[in-house]
């Protein structure tokens, strides 16, 4: 089974729950939602995502609800 890997900086710890911000919609009607993920191993740069994300989703870093950076997911 293939798992996804994303930069660890995209993952937030909210009261023990690991979450990421995901962009949905098109460029005119973009929405951002927080999704809970289950994480696996991490090397302090990248973290394995065991569940909670799909390979076609765009993960973003948000700063006061403004998109700062986006990253496509990579299967490992």
C-alpha atoms as a PDB file:
ATOM      1  CA  UNK A   1       0.000   0.000   0.000  1.00  0.00           C
ATOM      2  CA  UNK A   2       1.293   3.450  -0.914  1.00  0.00           C
ATOM      3  CA  UNK A   3       1.189   6.274   1.585  1.00  0.00           C
ATOM      4  CA  UNK A   4       1.504   9.988   1.033  1.00  0.00           C
ATOM      5  CA  UNK A   5       4.347  12.117   2.316  1.00  0.00           C
ATOM      6  CA  UNK A   6       4.209  15.871   2.945  1.00  0.00           C
ATOM      7  CA  UNK A   7       6.561  18.394   4.527  1.00  0.00           C
ATOM      8  CA  UNK A   8       6.109  18.282   8.299  1.00  0.00           C
ATOM      9  CA  UNK A   9       5.559  22.054   8.433  1.00  0.00           C
ATOM     10  CA  UNK A  10       2.105  21.541   6.868  1.00  0.00           C
ATOM     11  CA  UNK A  11       0.901  19.494   9.865  1.00  0.00           C
ATOM     12  CA  UNK A  12      -0.622  21.166  12.907  1.00  0.00           C
ATOM     13  CA  UNK A  13      -1.235  19.581  16.306  1.00  0.00           C
ATOM     14  CA  UNK A  14      -4.641  20.665  17.621  1.00  0.00           C
ATOM     15  CA  UNK A  15      -5.236  19.214  21.088  1.00  0.00           C
ATOM     16  CA  UNK A  16      -3.533  15.959  20.147  1.00  0.00           C
ATOM     17  CA  UNK A  17      -5.166  15.723  16.715  1.00  0.00           C
ATOM     18  CA  UNK A  18      -2.962  16.102  13.658  1.00  0.00           C
ATOM     19  CA  UNK A  19      -4.560  18.330  11.031  1.00  0.00           C
ATOM     20  CA  UNK A  20      -3.733  19.934   7.680  1.00  0.00           C
ATOM     21  CA  UNK A  21      -5.362  22.724   5.679  1.00  0.00           C
ATOM     22  CA  UNK A  22      -6.657  21.604   2.284  1.00  0.00           C
ATOM     23  CA  UNK A  23      -7.658  23.810  -0.652  1.00  0.00           C
ATOM     24  CA  UNK A  24     -10.810  22.873  -2.544  1.00  0.00           C
ATOM     25  CA  UNK A  25     -12.724  24.481  -5.372  1.00  0.00           C
ATOM     26  CA  UNK A  26     -11.338  26.375  -8.330  1.00  0.00           C
ATOM     27  CA  UNK A  27      -9.216  29.527  -8.376  1.00  0.00           C
ATOM     28  CA  UNK A  28     -12.270  31.816  -8.284  1.00  0.00           C
ATOM     29  CA  UNK A  29     -14.130  29.939  -5.570  1.00  0.00           C
ATOM     30  CA  UNK A  30     -11.357  28.498  -3.423  1.00  0.00           C
ATOM     31  CA  UNK A  31     -12.240  27.214   0.008  1.00  0.00           C
ATOM     32  CA  UNK A  32      -9.903  26.048   2.723  1.00  0.00           C
ATOM     33  CA  UNK A  33     -10.848  23.395   5.229  1.00  0.00           C
ATOM     34  CA  UNK A  34      -9.055  21.699   8.064  1.00  0.00           C
ATOM     35  CA  UNK A  35      -8.799  17.915   7.817  1.00  0.00           C
ATOM     36  CA  UNK A  36      -7.693  15.472  10.468  1.00  0.00           C
ATOM     37  CA  UNK A  37      -4.968  13.073   9.348  1.00  0.00           C
ATOM     38  CA  UNK A  38      -3.320   9.994  10.757  1.00  0.00           C
ATOM     39  CA  UNK A  39       0.457  10.283  10.552  1.00  0.00           C
ATOM     40  CA  UNK A  40       3.181   7.654  10.347  1.00  0.00           C
ATOM     41  CA  UNK A  41       6.935   8.005  10.433  1.00  0.00           C
ATOM     42  CA  UNK A  42       8.649  11.377  10.223  1.00  0.00           C
ATOM     43  CA  UNK A  43      12.224  12.474   9.617  1.00  0.00           C
ATOM     44  CA  UNK A  44      11.627  16.031  10.884  1.00  0.00           C
ATOM     45  CA  UNK A  45      11.422  17.269   7.262  1.00  0.00           C
ATOM     46  CA  UNK A  46       8.671  15.041   5.866  1.00  0.00           C
ATOM     47  CA  UNK A  47       5.878  13.079   7.486  1.00  0.00           C
ATOM     48  CA  UNK A  48       4.057  10.027   6.191  1.00  0.00           C
ATOM     49  CA  UNK A  49       0.272  10.405   5.969  1.00  0.00           C
ATOM     50  CA  UNK A  50      -1.475   7.096   6.628  1.00  0.00           C
ATOM     51  CA  UNK A  51      -5.039   8.340   6.191  1.00  0.00           C
ATOM     52  CA  UNK A  52      -7.137  11.477   5.885  1.00  0.00           C
ATOM     53  CA  UNK A  53      -5.801  12.828   2.566  1.00  0.00           C
ATOM     54  CA  UNK A  54      -6.152  11.892  -1.081  1.00  0.00           C
ATOM     55  CA  UNK A  55      -3.292  12.164  -3.553  1.00  0.00           C
ATOM     56  CA  UNK A  56      -5.121  14.801  -5.621  1.00  0.00           C
ATOM     57  CA  UNK A  57      -5.704  17.217  -2.714  1.00  0.00           C
ATOM     58  CA  UNK A  58      -3.665  20.416  -2.317  1.00  0.00           C
ATOM     59  CA  UNK A  59      -2.302  21.031   1.168  1.00  0.00           C
ATOM     60  CA  UNK A  60      -1.607  24.634   2.134  1.00  0.00           C
ATOM     61  CA  UNK A  61       0.046  26.518   4.935  1.00  0.00           C
ATOM     62  CA  UNK A  62      -2.267  29.210   6.143  1.00  0.00           C
ATOM     63  CA  UNK A  63      -1.447  32.401   7.969  1.00  0.00           C
ATOM     64  CA  UNK A  64      -4.569  34.159   9.199  1.00  0.00           C
ATOM     65  CA  UNK A  65      -6.591  32.355   6.495  1.00  0.00           C
ATOM     66  CA  UNK A  66      -4.346  33.579   3.683  1.00  0.00           C
ATOM     67  CA  UNK A  67      -2.672  31.011   1.503  1.00  0.00           C
ATOM     68  CA  UNK A  68       1.077  31.212   1.916  1.00  0.00           C
ATOM     69  CA  UNK A  69       2.325  28.098   0.194  1.00  0.00           C
ATOM     70  CA  UNK A  70       0.841  25.023  -1.449  1.00  0.00           C
ATOM     71  CA  UNK A  71       2.275  21.595  -2.050  1.00  0.00           C
ATOM     72  CA  UNK A  72       1.154  18.693  -4.181  1.00  0.00           C
ATOM     73  CA  UNK A  73       1.213  15.366  -2.411  1.00  0.00           C
ATOM     74  CA  UNK A  74       3.718  12.657  -3.285  1.00  0.00           C
ATOM     75  CA  UNK A  75       3.078   8.942  -3.004  1.00  0.00           C
ATOM     76  CA  UNK A  76       5.890   6.941  -1.421  1.00  0.00           C
END
